[in-house]
Amino acid sequence: MRLEETDWQILRFAFFVIASVSFIGMIFNSLLFITTVRSSNLRSACNILIAFCAIFDFGHELLPEISLSAGVFCVCSIGLDRMLSTLPMFSIRLKRKWLYLTIHLLLIAIYSSYTLYLLVAYYEPQKLICGMPSAFHGVAVVKWNLALTFANVLSVIIYMITWFIVRRLGASAETRRLFRSICIVMVIDVAGLTITTLLANLLMAFDVRGAQFALHCVAGIGANSGIAFKGLVYYTT
């Protein structure tokens, strides 16, 4: 594949930005996980789910496809936990915390296993340019994007319902602060991934060559930036 000088400049810029935000993300997510482990004040189900989300986001830099799927659905699980926390009838959250967390982790594992299924079921030996979507062959990449979109839409719905419940029933200042922080993270995460997914889907209509290939790399900046700065939001809000 022959690239023009402009395409090389775009690629260098995209690589520099993605590498930088990935490094920042690994630091923030590591600190978030370590802080949760070492602090006795961060033992609620929500805090533990946030720590798992940090691990999945850290793993995105090492095992991107499966870790990204797990992280996306973990954001959904955190929103579900916040919604249930506002409903007194779900007292099992407090009485059986580890059973409650196990159910969340099983749901995350089931969702992530679909990604593994797509990687294996649609595998075709072929030469490809290295990139995260390149691991999905044929229609698998479309199905993976649909699965991510489903989780993101579900997250938005859950957070909107939770926001309505908090406004309607009222909540403590601490609960409102925590929900505001998590809601900001959800917006950053969903927005970053949505931008990447939309750009990737638009570019799929073109041949992956020249400027199109360079723009595919640029499309990854949104998702990586969202993952990188989630930890910073938790610390500052």
C-alpha atoms as a PDB file:
ATOM      1  CA  MET A   1       0.000   0.000   0.000  1.00  0.00           C
ATOM      2  CA  ARG A   2       1.428   3.347  -1.059  1.00  0.00           C
ATOM      3  CA  LEU A   3       0.871   6.320   1.232  1.00  0.00           C
ATOM      4  CA  GLU A   4       1.266   9.967   0.361  1.00  0.00           C
ATOM      5  CA  GLU A   5       3.330  12.279   2.570  1.00  0.00           C
ATOM      6  CA  THR A   6       0.140  13.806   4.010  1.00  0.00           C
ATOM      7  CA  ASP A   7      -1.079  10.337   4.976  1.00  0.00           C
ATOM      8  CA  TRP A   8       2.196   9.619   6.771  1.00  0.00           C
ATOM      9  CA  GLN A   9       1.879  12.874   8.695  1.00  0.00           C
ATOM     10  CA  ILE A  10      -1.662  11.932   9.759  1.00  0.00           C
ATOM     11  CA  LEU A  11      -0.449   8.488  10.829  1.00  0.00           C
ATOM     12  CA  ARG A  12       2.423   9.925  12.872  1.00  0.00           C
ATOM     13  CA  PHE A  13       0.046  12.347  14.586  1.00  0.00           C
ATOM     14  CA  ALA A  14      -2.518   9.618  15.321  1.00  0.00           C
ATOM     15  CA  PHE A  15       0.128   7.242  16.659  1.00  0.00           C
ATOM     16  CA  PHE A  16       1.627   9.928  18.902  1.00  0.00           C
ATOM     17  CA  VAL A  17      -1.779  10.890  20.354  1.00  0.00           C
ATOM     18  CA  ILE A  18      -2.940   7.292  20.868  1.00  0.00           C
ATOM     19  CA  ALA A  19       0.388   6.258  22.411  1.00  0.00           C
ATOM     20  CA  SER A  20       0.319   9.281  24.733  1.00  0.00           C
ATOM     21  CA  VAL A  21      -3.259   8.845  25.953  1.00  0.00           C
ATOM     22  CA  SER A  22      -2.722   5.089  26.304  1.00  0.00           C
ATOM     23  CA  PHE A  23       0.268   5.699  28.564  1.00  0.00           C
ATOM     24  CA  ILE A  24      -1.728   8.227  30.589  1.00  0.00           C
ATOM     25  CA  GLY A  25      -4.626   5.783  30.786  1.00  0.00           C
ATOM     26  CA  MET A  26      -2.424   2.979  32.098  1.00  0.00           C
ATOM     27  CA  ILE A  27      -1.125   5.274  34.857  1.00  0.00           C
ATOM     28  CA  PHE A  28      -4.549   6.618  35.899  1.00  0.00           C
ATOM     29  CA  ASN A  29      -6.240   3.218  35.823  1.00  0.00           C
ATOM     30  CA  SER A  30      -3.387   1.617  37.772  1.00  0.00           C
ATOM     31  CA  LEU A  31      -3.600   4.335  40.425  1.00  0.00           C
ATOM     32  CA  LEU A  32      -7.375   3.958  40.601  1.00  0.00           C
ATOM     33  CA  PHE A  33      -7.118   0.202  41.155  1.00  0.00           C
ATOM     34  CA  ILE A  34      -4.289   0.496  43.706  1.00  0.00           C
ATOM     35  CA  THR A  35      -6.174   3.210  45.607  1.00  0.00           C
ATOM     36  CA  THR A  36      -9.278   1.018  45.782  1.00  0.00           C
ATOM     37  CA  VAL A  37      -7.282  -1.956  47.057  1.00  0.00           C
ATOM     38  CA  ARG A  38      -5.370   0.021  49.689  1.00  0.00           C
ATOM     39  CA  SER A  39      -8.190   2.226  50.979  1.00  0.00           C
ATOM     40  CA  SER A  40     -10.572   0.715  53.537  1.00  0.00           C
ATOM     41  CA  ASN A  41     -13.130   3.402  52.677  1.00  0.00           C
ATOM     42  CA  LEU A  42     -13.561   2.075  49.133  1.00  0.00           C
ATOM     43  CA  ARG A  43     -15.224  -1.263  49.814  1.00  0.00           C
ATOM     44  CA  SER A  44     -18.722  -0.678  48.461  1.00  0.00           C
ATOM     45  CA  ALA A  45     -19.979  -2.708  45.514  1.00  0.00           C
ATOM     46  CA  CYS A  46     -19.821   0.401  43.334  1.00  0.00           C
ATOM     47  CA  ASN A  47     -16.176   1.112  44.238  1.00  0.00           C
ATOM     48  CA  ILE A  48     -15.212  -2.505  43.557  1.00  0.00           C
ATOM     49  CA  LEU A  49     -16.940  -2.416  40.168  1.00  0.00           C
ATOM     50  CA  ILE A  50     -15.075   0.810  39.379  1.00  0.00           C
ATOM     51  CA  ALA A  51     -11.813  -0.954  40.273  1.00  0.00           C
ATOM     52  CA  PHE A  52     -12.675  -3.818  37.917  1.00  0.00           C
ATOM     53  CA  CYS A  53     -13.468  -1.271  35.213  1.00  0.00           C
ATOM     54  CA  ALA A  54      -9.993   0.230  35.755  1.00  0.00           C
ATOM     55  CA  ILE A  55      -8.450  -3.230  35.308  1.00  0.00           C
ATOM     56  CA  PHE A  56     -10.398  -3.824  32.096  1.00  0.00           C
ATOM     57  CA  ASP A  57      -9.367  -0.400  30.773  1.00  0.00           C
ATOM     58  CA  PHE A  58      -5.742  -1.126  31.659  1.00  0.00           C
ATOM     59  CA  GLY A  59      -6.067  -4.451  29.836  1.00  0.00           C
ATOM     60  CA  HIS A  60      -7.359  -2.600  26.784  1.00  0.00           C
ATOM     61  CA  GLU A  61      -3.759  -1.659  26.070  1.00  0.00           C
ATOM     62  CA  LEU A  62      -2.688  -5.332  26.249  1.00  0.00           C
ATOM     63  CA  LEU A  63      -5.700  -7.399  25.120  1.00  0.00           C
ATOM     64  CA  PRO A  64      -7.759  -4.710  23.400  1.00  0.00           C
ATOM     65  CA  GLU A  65     -10.807  -6.453  21.932  1.00  0.00           C
ATOM     66  CA  ILE A  66     -11.965  -8.462  24.953  1.00  0.00           C
ATOM     67  CA  SER A  67     -10.881  -5.879  27.534  1.00  0.00           C
ATOM     68  CA  LEU A  68     -12.694  -3.110  25.669  1.00  0.00           C
ATOM     69  CA  SER A  69     -15.888  -5.169  25.606  1.00  0.00           C
ATOM     70  CA  ALA A  70     -15.567  -5.929  29.325  1.00  0.00           C
ATOM     71  CA  GLY A  71     -14.903  -2.278  30.147  1.00  0.00           C
ATOM     72  CA  VAL A  72     -17.879  -1.056  28.128  1.00  0.00           C
ATOM     73  CA  PHE A  73     -20.280  -3.435  29.867  1.00  0.00           C
ATOM     74  CA  CYS A  74     -18.695  -2.701  33.252  1.00  0.00           C
ATOM     75  CA  VAL A  75     -19.723   0.947  32.832  1.00  0.00           C
ATOM     76  CA  CYS A  76     -23.240  -0.374  32.292  1.00  0.00           C
ATOM     77  CA  SER A  77     -22.960  -2.509  35.463  1.00  0.00           C
ATOM     78  CA  ILE A  78     -21.823   0.497  37.509  1.00  0.00           C
ATOM     79  CA  GLY A  79     -24.857   2.433  36.310  1.00  0.00           C
ATOM     80  CA  LEU A  80     -27.111  -0.498  37.206  1.00  0.00           C
ATOM     81  CA  ASP A  81     -25.565  -0.611  40.680  1.00  0.00           C
ATOM     82  CA  ARG A  82     -26.250   3.089  41.181  1.00  0.00           C
ATOM     83  CA  MET A  83     -29.841   2.627  40.035  1.00  0.00           C
ATOM     84  CA  LEU A  84     -30.408  -0.299  42.416  1.00  0.00           C
ATOM     85  CA  SER A  85     -28.805   1.659  45.262  1.00  0.00           C
ATOM     86  CA  THR A  86     -31.657   4.161  45.072  1.00  0.00           C
ATOM     87  CA  LEU A  87     -34.308   1.430  45.454  1.00  0.00           C
ATOM     88  CA  PRO A  88     -34.771   0.172  49.054  1.00  0.00           C
ATOM     89  CA  MET A  89     -36.267  -3.157  47.924  1.00  0.00           C
ATOM     90  CA  PHE A  90     -32.864  -4.291  46.619  1.00  0.00           C
ATOM     91  CA  SER A  91     -31.320  -4.688  50.072  1.00  0.00           C
ATOM     92  CA  ILE A  92     -29.503  -7.832  48.850  1.00  0.00           C
ATOM     93  CA  ARG A  93     -26.822  -5.455  47.582  1.00  0.00           C
ATOM     94  CA  LEU A  94     -25.817  -4.789  51.198  1.00  0.00           C
ATOM     95  CA  LYS A  95     -26.539  -8.189  52.750  1.00  0.00           C
ATOM     96  CA  ARG A  96     -24.862 -10.346  50.110  1.00  0.00           C
ATOM     97  CA  LYS A  97     -22.312  -8.056  48.495  1.00  0.00           C
ATOM     98  CA  TRP A  98     -20.057 -10.762  47.047  1.00  0.00           C
ATOM     99  CA  LEU A  99     -22.989 -12.676  45.555  1.00  0.00           C
ATOM    100  CA  TYR A 100     -24.187  -9.407  44.085  1.00  0.00           C
ATOM    101  CA  LEU A 101     -20.734  -8.644  42.634  1.00  0.00           C
ATOM    102  CA  THR A 102     -20.418 -12.188  41.280  1.00  0.00           C
ATOM    103  CA  ILE A 103     -23.658 -11.728  39.334  1.00  0.00           C
ATOM    104  CA  HIS A 104     -22.301  -8.496  37.843  1.00  0.00           C
ATOM    105  CA  LEU A 105     -19.004 -10.138  36.884  1.00  0.00           C
ATOM    106  CA  LEU A 106     -20.815 -13.100  35.326  1.00  0.00           C
ATOM    107  CA  LEU A 107     -22.867 -10.724  33.179  1.00  0.00           C
ATOM    108  CA  ILE A 108     -19.664  -8.947  32.119  1.00  0.00           C
ATOM    109  CA  ALA A 109     -18.032 -12.303  31.306  1.00  0.00           C
ATOM    110  CA  ILE A 110     -21.039 -13.453  29.268  1.00  0.00           C
ATOM    111  CA  TYR A 111     -21.066 -10.217  27.298  1.00  0.00           C
ATOM    112  CA  SER A 112     -17.297 -10.376  26.701  1.00  0.00           C
ATOM    113  CA  SER A 113     -17.497 -14.023  25.603  1.00  0.00           C
ATOM    114  CA  TYR A 114     -19.494 -12.873  22.574  1.00  0.00           C
ATOM    115  CA  THR A 115     -16.415 -10.960  21.443  1.00  0.00           C
ATOM    116  CA  LEU A 116     -14.325 -14.119  21.783  1.00  0.00           C
ATOM    117  CA  TYR A 117     -16.956 -16.019  19.791  1.00  0.00           C
ATOM    118  CA  LEU A 118     -16.765 -13.467  16.966  1.00  0.00           C
ATOM    119  CA  LEU A 119     -12.968 -13.674  16.897  1.00  0.00           C
ATOM    120  CA  VAL A 120     -13.015 -17.480  16.609  1.00  0.00           C
ATOM    121  CA  ALA A 121     -16.154 -18.185  14.571  1.00  0.00           C
ATOM    122  CA  TYR A 122     -15.364 -15.764  11.748  1.00  0.00           C
ATOM    123  CA  TYR A 123     -11.606 -16.287  11.612  1.00  0.00           C
ATOM    124  CA  GLU A 124     -10.141 -16.498   8.115  1.00  0.00           C
ATOM    125  CA  PRO A 125      -6.389 -16.828   7.431  1.00  0.00           C
ATOM    126  CA  GLN A 126      -5.356 -13.663   5.624  1.00  0.00           C
ATOM    127  CA  LYS A 127      -2.775 -10.898   5.576  1.00  0.00           C
ATOM    128  CA  LEU A 128      -3.911  -7.725   7.303  1.00  0.00           C
ATOM    129  CA  ILE A 129      -2.534  -4.420   8.506  1.00  0.00           C
ATOM    130  CA  CYS A 130      -2.346  -4.598  12.288  1.00  0.00           C
ATOM    131  CA  GLY A 131      -5.198  -2.810  14.025  1.00  0.00           C
ATOM    132  CA  MET A 132      -7.817  -3.656  16.642  1.00  0.00           C
ATOM    133  CA  PRO A 133     -10.785  -4.048  14.240  1.00  0.00           C
ATOM    134  CA  SER A 134      -8.582  -6.139  11.931  1.00  0.00           C
ATOM    135  CA  ALA A 135      -8.940  -9.097  14.305  1.00  0.00           C
ATOM    136  CA  PHE A 136     -12.620  -9.338  13.311  1.00  0.00           C
ATOM    137  CA  HIS A 137     -13.046 -10.881   9.876  1.00  0.00           C
ATOM    138  CA  GLY A 138     -15.997 -10.504   7.533  1.00  0.00           C
ATOM    139  CA  VAL A 139     -19.267  -9.470   9.161  1.00  0.00           C
ATOM    140  CA  ALA A 140     -17.780 -10.056  12.633  1.00  0.00           C
ATOM    141  CA  VAL A 141     -16.628  -6.434  12.852  1.00  0.00           C
ATOM    142  CA  VAL A 142     -20.181  -5.231  12.126  1.00  0.00           C
ATOM    143  CA  LYS A 143     -21.632  -7.538  14.798  1.00  0.00           C
ATOM    144  CA  TRP A 144     -18.982  -6.400  17.280  1.00  0.00           C
ATOM    145  CA  ASN A 145     -19.830  -2.749  16.631  1.00  0.00           C
ATOM    146  CA  LEU A 146     -23.515  -3.557  17.135  1.00  0.00           C
ATOM    147  CA  ALA A 147     -22.735  -5.280  20.443  1.00  0.00           C
ATOM    148  CA  LEU A 148     -20.769  -2.244  21.643  1.00  0.00           C
ATOM    149  CA  THR A 149     -23.551   0.076  20.501  1.00  0.00           C
ATOM    150  CA  PHE A 150     -26.109  -2.037  22.388  1.00  0.00           C
ATOM    151  CA  ALA A 151     -24.093  -1.781  25.618  1.00  0.00           C
ATOM    152  CA  ASN A 152     -23.625   1.972  25.181  1.00  0.00           C
ATOM    153  CA  VAL A 153     -27.324   2.590  24.523  1.00  0.00           C
ATOM    154  CA  LEU A 154     -28.218   0.409  27.519  1.00  0.00           C
ATOM    155  CA  SER A 155     -25.819   2.454  29.675  1.00  0.00           C
ATOM    156  CA  VAL A 156     -27.418   5.717  28.570  1.00  0.00           C
ATOM    157  CA  ILE A 157     -30.911   4.379  29.351  1.00  0.00           C
ATOM    158  CA  ILE A 158     -29.863   3.113  32.800  1.00  0.00           C
ATOM    159  CA  TYR A 159     -28.155   6.391  33.715  1.00  0.00           C
ATOM    160  CA  MET A 160     -31.156   8.410  32.546  1.00  0.00           C
ATOM    161  CA  ILE A 161     -33.503   6.271  34.672  1.00  0.00           C
ATOM    162  CA  THR A 162     -31.169   6.620  37.655  1.00  0.00           C
ATOM    163  CA  TRP A 163     -30.976  10.390  37.196  1.00  0.00           C
ATOM    164  CA  PHE A 164     -34.778  10.535  37.147  1.00  0.00           C
ATOM    165  CA  ILE A 165     -35.027   8.433  40.340  1.00  0.00           C
ATOM    166  CA  VAL A 166     -32.424  10.560  42.143  1.00  0.00           C
ATOM    167  CA  ARG A 167     -34.271  13.737  41.182  1.00  0.00           C
ATOM    168  CA  ARG A 168     -37.674  12.290  42.055  1.00  0.00           C
ATOM    169  CA  LEU A 169     -36.904  10.565  45.358  1.00  0.00           C
ATOM    170  CA  GLY A 170     -34.028  12.723  46.521  1.00  0.00           C
ATOM    171  CA  ALA A 171     -30.639  11.486  47.689  1.00  0.00           C
ATOM    172  CA  SER A 172     -27.838  12.403  50.045  1.00  0.00           C
ATOM    173  CA  ALA A 173     -25.150  14.846  48.965  1.00  0.00           C
ATOM    174  CA  GLU A 174     -22.594  12.014  48.843  1.00  0.00           C
ATOM    175  CA  THR A 175     -24.845   9.874  46.642  1.00  0.00           C
ATOM    176  CA  ARG A 176     -25.444  12.793  44.273  1.00  0.00           C
ATOM    177  CA  ARG A 177     -21.710  13.521  44.111  1.00  0.00           C
ATOM    178  CA  LEU A 178     -20.862   9.897  43.323  1.00  0.00           C
ATOM    179  CA  PHE A 179     -23.586   9.635  40.711  1.00  0.00           C
ATOM    180  CA  ARG A 180     -22.445  12.905  39.086  1.00  0.00           C
ATOM    181  CA  SER A 181     -18.888  11.578  38.882  1.00  0.00           C
ATOM    182  CA  ILE A 182     -19.980   8.256  37.391  1.00  0.00           C
ATOM    183  CA  CYS A 183     -22.333   9.997  34.975  1.00  0.00           C
ATOM    184  CA  ILE A 184     -19.498  12.192  33.671  1.00  0.00           C
ATOM    185  CA  VAL A 185     -17.384   9.064  33.186  1.00  0.00           C
ATOM    186  CA  MET A 186     -20.224   7.388  31.303  1.00  0.00           C
ATOM    187  CA  VAL A 187     -20.581  10.390  28.986  1.00  0.00           C
ATOM    188  CA  ILE A 188     -16.820  10.501  28.300  1.00  0.00           C
ATOM    189  CA  ASP A 189     -16.614   6.745  27.758  1.00  0.00           C
ATOM    190  CA  VAL A 190     -19.711   6.440  25.570  1.00  0.00           C
ATOM    191  CA  ALA A 191     -18.919   9.602  23.595  1.00  0.00           C
ATOM    192  CA  GLY A 192     -15.339   8.509  22.898  1.00  0.00           C
ATOM    193  CA  LEU A 193     -16.355   5.031  21.789  1.00  0.00           C
ATOM    194  CA  THR A 194     -19.309   6.326  19.774  1.00  0.00           C
ATOM    195  CA  ILE A 195     -17.093   8.768  17.872  1.00  0.00           C
ATOM    196  CA  THR A 196     -14.644   5.975  17.073  1.00  0.00           C
ATOM    197  CA  THR A 197     -17.389   3.548  16.041  1.00  0.00           C
ATOM    198  CA  LEU A 198     -19.176   6.076  13.827  1.00  0.00           C
ATOM    199  CA  LEU A 199     -15.968   7.107  12.069  1.00  0.00           C
ATOM    200  CA  ALA A 200     -14.961   3.467  11.570  1.00  0.00           C
ATOM    201  CA  ASN A 201     -18.377   2.570  10.138  1.00  0.00           C
ATOM    202  CA  LEU A 202     -18.328   5.550   7.775  1.00  0.00           C
ATOM    203  CA  LEU A 203     -14.862   4.649   6.542  1.00  0.00           C
ATOM    204  CA  MET A 204     -15.835   1.006   5.984  1.00  0.00           C
ATOM    205  CA  ALA A 205     -17.617   2.179   2.836  1.00  0.00           C
ATOM    206  CA  PHE A 206     -14.219   3.023   1.325  1.00  0.00           C
ATOM    207  CA  ASP A 207     -11.192   0.921   0.456  1.00  0.00           C
ATOM    208  CA  VAL A 208      -8.611   0.849   3.243  1.00  0.00           C
ATOM    209  CA  ARG A 209      -5.854   2.560   1.372  1.00  0.00           C
ATOM    210  CA  GLY A 210      -4.206   5.937   1.375  1.00  0.00           C
ATOM    211  CA  ALA A 211      -6.068   8.579   3.334  1.00  0.00           C
ATOM    212  CA  GLN A 212      -8.768   6.101   4.367  1.00  0.00           C
ATOM    213  CA  PHE A 213      -6.216   3.949   6.192  1.00  0.00           C
ATOM    214  CA  ALA A 214      -4.757   6.991   7.929  1.00  0.00           C
ATOM    215  CA  LEU A 215      -8.218   8.133   9.024  1.00  0.00           C
ATOM    216  CA  HIS A 216      -8.958   4.661  10.424  1.00  0.00           C
ATOM    217  CA  CYS A 217      -6.046   5.235  12.794  1.00  0.00           C
ATOM    218  CA  VAL A 218      -7.335   8.699  13.698  1.00  0.00           C
ATOM    219  CA  ALA A 219     -10.720   7.150  14.531  1.00  0.00           C
ATOM    220  CA  GLY A 220      -9.130   5.258  17.420  1.00  0.00           C
ATOM    221  CA  ILE A 221      -8.235   8.469  19.272  1.00  0.00           C
ATOM    222  CA  GLY A 222     -11.774   8.921  20.623  1.00  0.00           C
ATOM    223  CA  ALA A 223     -12.061   5.538  22.346  1.00  0.00           C
ATOM    224  CA  ASN A 224      -8.524   5.630  23.743  1.00  0.00           C
ATOM    225  CA  SER A 225      -8.989   9.157  25.092  1.00  0.00           C
ATOM    226  CA  GLY A 226     -12.245   8.219  26.802  1.00  0.00           C
ATOM    227  CA  ILE A 227     -10.612   5.232  28.483  1.00  0.00           C
ATOM    228  CA  ALA A 228      -7.532   7.219  29.485  1.00  0.00           C
ATOM    229  CA  PHE A 229      -9.243  10.071  31.309  1.00  0.00           C
ATOM    230  CA  LYS A 230     -11.943   8.166  33.199  1.00  0.00           C
ATOM    231  CA  GLY A 231      -9.604   7.671  36.144  1.00  0.00           C
ATOM    232  CA  LEU A 232      -8.832  11.393  36.264  1.00  0.00           C
ATOM    233  CA  VAL A 233     -12.554  12.181  36.486  1.00  0.00           C
ATOM    234  CA  TYR A 234     -12.987   9.815  39.436  1.00  0.00           C
ATOM    235  CA  TYR A 235     -10.116  11.528  41.271  1.00  0.00           C
ATOM    236  CA  THR A 236     -11.206  15.110  40.601  1.00  0.00           C
ATOM    237  CA  THR A 237     -14.970  14.769  41.126  1.00  0.00           C
END
